Amino acid sequence: MTAELGQRFRVASLDEIADGSAKRVDIGETPIALVRIGDRVHAIGDTCSHADYSLSEGEVEVDECTLECPRHGATFSLVTGEPETLPATQPVPVFDTEVDGNDIWVVMP
């Protein structure tokens, strides 16, 4: 897939992501962590801003709507991408998502 600005991409189906879990997808050269909480799907950059590590391998905190980096424990808001705990101090990007039936779409900014 080649990502173009403002373009949306079908990246997965709801059946592929268990509630309260994450899955990595790539759009072009952009790694994205998809996180499912109920029928809502969040999409954030999959690379921790503190260390080059995959966030999709981390723990989802459903009540806090965060994803924890499995390497050093920094947590990131799934809504804003802002780090909520140290050691991370820089945000990760967030992407708009759409769920259409069973299909999950990510819109590239």
C-alpha atoms as a PDB file:
ATOM      1  CA  MET A   1       0.000   0.000   0.000  1.00  0.00           C
ATOM      2  CA  THR A   2       1.211   3.452  -0.838  1.00  0.00           C
ATOM      3  CA  ALA A   3      -0.161   6.085   1.516  1.00  0.00           C
ATOM      4  CA  GLU A   4      -1.435   9.332   0.052  1.00  0.00           C
ATOM      5  CA  LEU A   5      -2.656  12.281   2.085  1.00  0.00           C
ATOM      6  CA  GLY A   6      -6.330  12.138   3.002  1.00  0.00           C
ATOM      7  CA  GLN A   7      -6.699   8.642   1.639  1.00  0.00           C
ATOM      8  CA  ARG A   8      -8.399   5.918   3.656  1.00  0.00           C
ATOM      9  CA  PHE A   9      -7.218   2.335   3.806  1.00  0.00           C
ATOM     10  CA  ARG A  10      -9.020  -0.841   4.808  1.00  0.00           C
ATOM     11  CA  VAL A  11      -6.548  -2.349   7.274  1.00  0.00           C
ATOM     12  CA  ALA A  12      -8.372  -5.157   9.099  1.00  0.00           C
ATOM     13  CA  SER A  13     -11.721  -6.534  10.173  1.00  0.00           C
ATOM     14  CA  LEU A  14     -13.230  -6.359  13.644  1.00  0.00           C
ATOM     15  CA  ASP A  15     -12.982 -10.161  13.815  1.00  0.00           C
ATOM     16  CA  GLU A  16      -9.180  -9.910  13.626  1.00  0.00           C
ATOM     17  CA  ILE A  17      -8.811  -7.885  16.847  1.00  0.00           C
ATOM     18  CA  ALA A  18     -10.124  -9.155  20.160  1.00  0.00           C
ATOM     19  CA  ASP A  19     -11.810  -6.601  22.404  1.00  0.00           C
ATOM     20  CA  GLY A  20      -9.165  -4.994  24.632  1.00  0.00           C
ATOM     21  CA  SER A  21      -6.224  -5.940  22.423  1.00  0.00           C
ATOM     22  CA  ALA A  22      -3.930  -4.415  19.803  1.00  0.00           C
ATOM     23  CA  LYS A  23      -2.745  -5.399  16.339  1.00  0.00           C
ATOM     24  CA  ARG A  24      -0.011  -3.917  14.182  1.00  0.00           C
ATOM     25  CA  VAL A  25      -0.737  -2.940  10.590  1.00  0.00           C
ATOM     26  CA  ASP A  26       1.389  -1.051   8.080  1.00  0.00           C
ATOM     27  CA  ILE A  27       0.199   1.595   5.660  1.00  0.00           C
ATOM     28  CA  GLY A  28       3.060   2.199   3.291  1.00  0.00           C
ATOM     29  CA  GLU A  29       6.038   2.596   5.585  1.00  0.00           C
ATOM     30  CA  THR A  30       3.933   3.786   8.523  1.00  0.00           C
ATOM     31  CA  PRO A  31       3.473   1.216  11.311  1.00  0.00           C
ATOM     32  CA  ILE A  32       0.164   1.646  13.135  1.00  0.00           C
ATOM     33  CA  ALA A  33      -1.199   0.031  16.298  1.00  0.00           C
ATOM     34  CA  LEU A  34      -4.928  -0.673  16.045  1.00  0.00           C
ATOM     35  CA  VAL A  35      -6.593  -1.007  19.436  1.00  0.00           C
ATOM     36  CA  ARG A  36     -10.122  -2.295  19.850  1.00  0.00           C
ATOM     37  CA  ILE A  37     -12.230  -1.269  22.826  1.00  0.00           C
ATOM     38  CA  GLY A  38     -15.744  -2.570  22.283  1.00  0.00           C
ATOM     39  CA  ASP A  39     -16.940  -1.461  18.869  1.00  0.00           C
ATOM     40  CA  ARG A  40     -14.504   1.485  18.822  1.00  0.00           C
ATOM     41  CA  VAL A  41     -11.107   1.133  17.135  1.00  0.00           C
ATOM     42  CA  HIS A  42      -8.246   3.528  17.860  1.00  0.00           C
ATOM     43  CA  ALA A  43      -5.163   3.922  15.672  1.00  0.00           C
ATOM     44  CA  ILE A  44      -1.852   5.341  16.919  1.00  0.00           C
ATOM     45  CA  GLY A  45       1.702   5.219  15.677  1.00  0.00           C
ATOM     46  CA  ASP A  46       3.112   1.814  16.562  1.00  0.00           C
ATOM     47  CA  THR A  47       6.595   3.023  17.505  1.00  0.00           C
ATOM     48  CA  CYS A  48       7.208   4.210  21.079  1.00  0.00           C
ATOM     49  CA  SER A  49       8.559   7.766  21.139  1.00  0.00           C
ATOM     50  CA  HIS A  50      10.988   6.865  23.944  1.00  0.00           C
ATOM     51  CA  ALA A  51      12.539   3.757  22.423  1.00  0.00           C
ATOM     52  CA  ASP A  52      12.162   2.209  18.987  1.00  0.00           C
ATOM     53  CA  TYR A  53       9.761  -0.510  20.120  1.00  0.00           C
ATOM     54  CA  SER A  54       6.373  -1.782  18.917  1.00  0.00           C
ATOM     55  CA  LEU A  55       3.489  -0.469  21.018  1.00  0.00           C
ATOM     56  CA  SER A  56       1.079  -3.070  19.622  1.00  0.00           C
ATOM     57  CA  GLU A  57       2.883  -5.689  21.719  1.00  0.00           C
ATOM     58  CA  GLY A  58       1.946  -3.818  24.898  1.00  0.00           C
ATOM     59  CA  GLU A  59      -0.966  -3.954  27.320  1.00  0.00           C
ATOM     60  CA  VAL A  60      -4.228  -2.163  26.604  1.00  0.00           C
ATOM     61  CA  GLU A  61      -5.743  -0.384  29.600  1.00  0.00           C
ATOM     62  CA  VAL A  62      -9.419  -0.304  28.632  1.00  0.00           C
ATOM     63  CA  ASP A  63     -10.635   1.931  31.491  1.00  0.00           C
ATOM     64  CA  GLU A  64      -7.877   4.508  30.921  1.00  0.00           C
ATOM     65  CA  CYS A  65      -8.004   4.205  27.099  1.00  0.00           C
ATOM     66  CA  THR A  66      -4.216   3.822  26.954  1.00  0.00           C
ATOM     67  CA  LEU A  67      -1.605   1.508  25.468  1.00  0.00           C
ATOM     68  CA  GLU A  68       1.520   0.616  27.448  1.00  0.00           C
ATOM     69  CA  CYS A  69       4.920   0.179  25.829  1.00  0.00           C
ATOM     70  CA  PRO A  70       6.155  -3.321  26.704  1.00  0.00           C
ATOM     71  CA  ARG A  71       9.795  -2.193  26.808  1.00  0.00           C
ATOM     72  CA  HIS A  72       9.856   0.511  29.492  1.00  0.00           C
ATOM     73  CA  GLY A  73       6.234   0.877  30.609  1.00  0.00           C
ATOM     74  CA  ALA A  74       5.375   4.307  29.194  1.00  0.00           C
ATOM     75  CA  THR A  75       1.658   4.625  28.508  1.00  0.00           C
ATOM     76  CA  PHE A  76       0.092   6.586  25.654  1.00  0.00           C
ATOM     77  CA  SER A  77      -3.412   7.995  25.309  1.00  0.00           C
ATOM     78  CA  LEU A  78      -5.267   6.291  22.484  1.00  0.00           C
ATOM     79  CA  VAL A  79      -7.221   9.509  21.916  1.00  0.00           C
ATOM     80  CA  THR A  80      -4.423  12.104  21.805  1.00  0.00           C
ATOM     81  CA  GLY A  81      -1.208  10.070  21.462  1.00  0.00           C
ATOM     82  CA  GLU A  82       0.230  11.989  24.425  1.00  0.00           C
ATOM     83  CA  PRO A  83       2.405  10.050  26.878  1.00  0.00           C
ATOM     84  CA  GLU A  84       0.722   9.685  30.245  1.00  0.00           C
ATOM     85  CA  THR A  85       3.673   8.179  32.103  1.00  0.00           C
ATOM     86  CA  LEU A  86       7.450   8.369  31.893  1.00  0.00           C
ATOM     87  CA  PRO A  87       9.909   7.589  30.470  1.00  0.00           C
ATOM     88  CA  ALA A  88       8.235   8.806  27.258  1.00  0.00           C
ATOM     89  CA  THR A  89       7.866  12.580  26.934  1.00  0.00           C
ATOM     90  CA  GLN A  90       6.917  12.945  23.251  1.00  0.00           C
ATOM     91  CA  PRO A  91       3.554  11.989  21.720  1.00  0.00           C
ATOM     92  CA  VAL A  92       2.967   9.417  19.016  1.00  0.00           C
ATOM     93  CA  PRO A  93       0.703  10.208  16.053  1.00  0.00           C
ATOM     94  CA  VAL A  94      -2.992   9.333  16.113  1.00  0.00           C
ATOM     95  CA  PHE A  95      -5.050   8.512  13.050  1.00  0.00           C
ATOM     96  CA  ASP A  96      -8.764   8.756  12.352  1.00  0.00           C
ATOM     97  CA  THR A  97     -10.549   5.432  12.025  1.00  0.00           C
ATOM     98  CA  GLU A  98     -13.863   4.360  10.586  1.00  0.00           C
ATOM     99  CA  VAL A  99     -15.679   1.089  11.183  1.00  0.00           C
ATOM    100  CA  ASP A 100     -17.980   0.189   8.312  1.00  0.00           C
ATOM    101  CA  GLY A 101     -19.766  -3.088   8.996  1.00  0.00           C
ATOM    102  CA  ASN A 102     -16.904  -5.419   9.892  1.00  0.00           C
ATOM    103  CA  ASP A 103     -14.221  -3.401   8.053  1.00  0.00           C
ATOM    104  CA  ILE A 104     -11.729  -1.126   9.814  1.00  0.00           C
ATOM    105  CA  TRP A 105     -10.472   1.866   7.852  1.00  0.00           C
ATOM    106  CA  VAL A 106      -7.639   4.245   8.742  1.00  0.00           C
ATOM    107  CA  VAL A 107      -7.485   7.738   7.250  1.00  0.00           C
ATOM    108  CA  MET A 108      -4.007   9.043   6.597  1.00  0.00           C
ATOM    109  CA  PRO A 109      -3.700  12.761   7.435  1.00  0.00           C
END
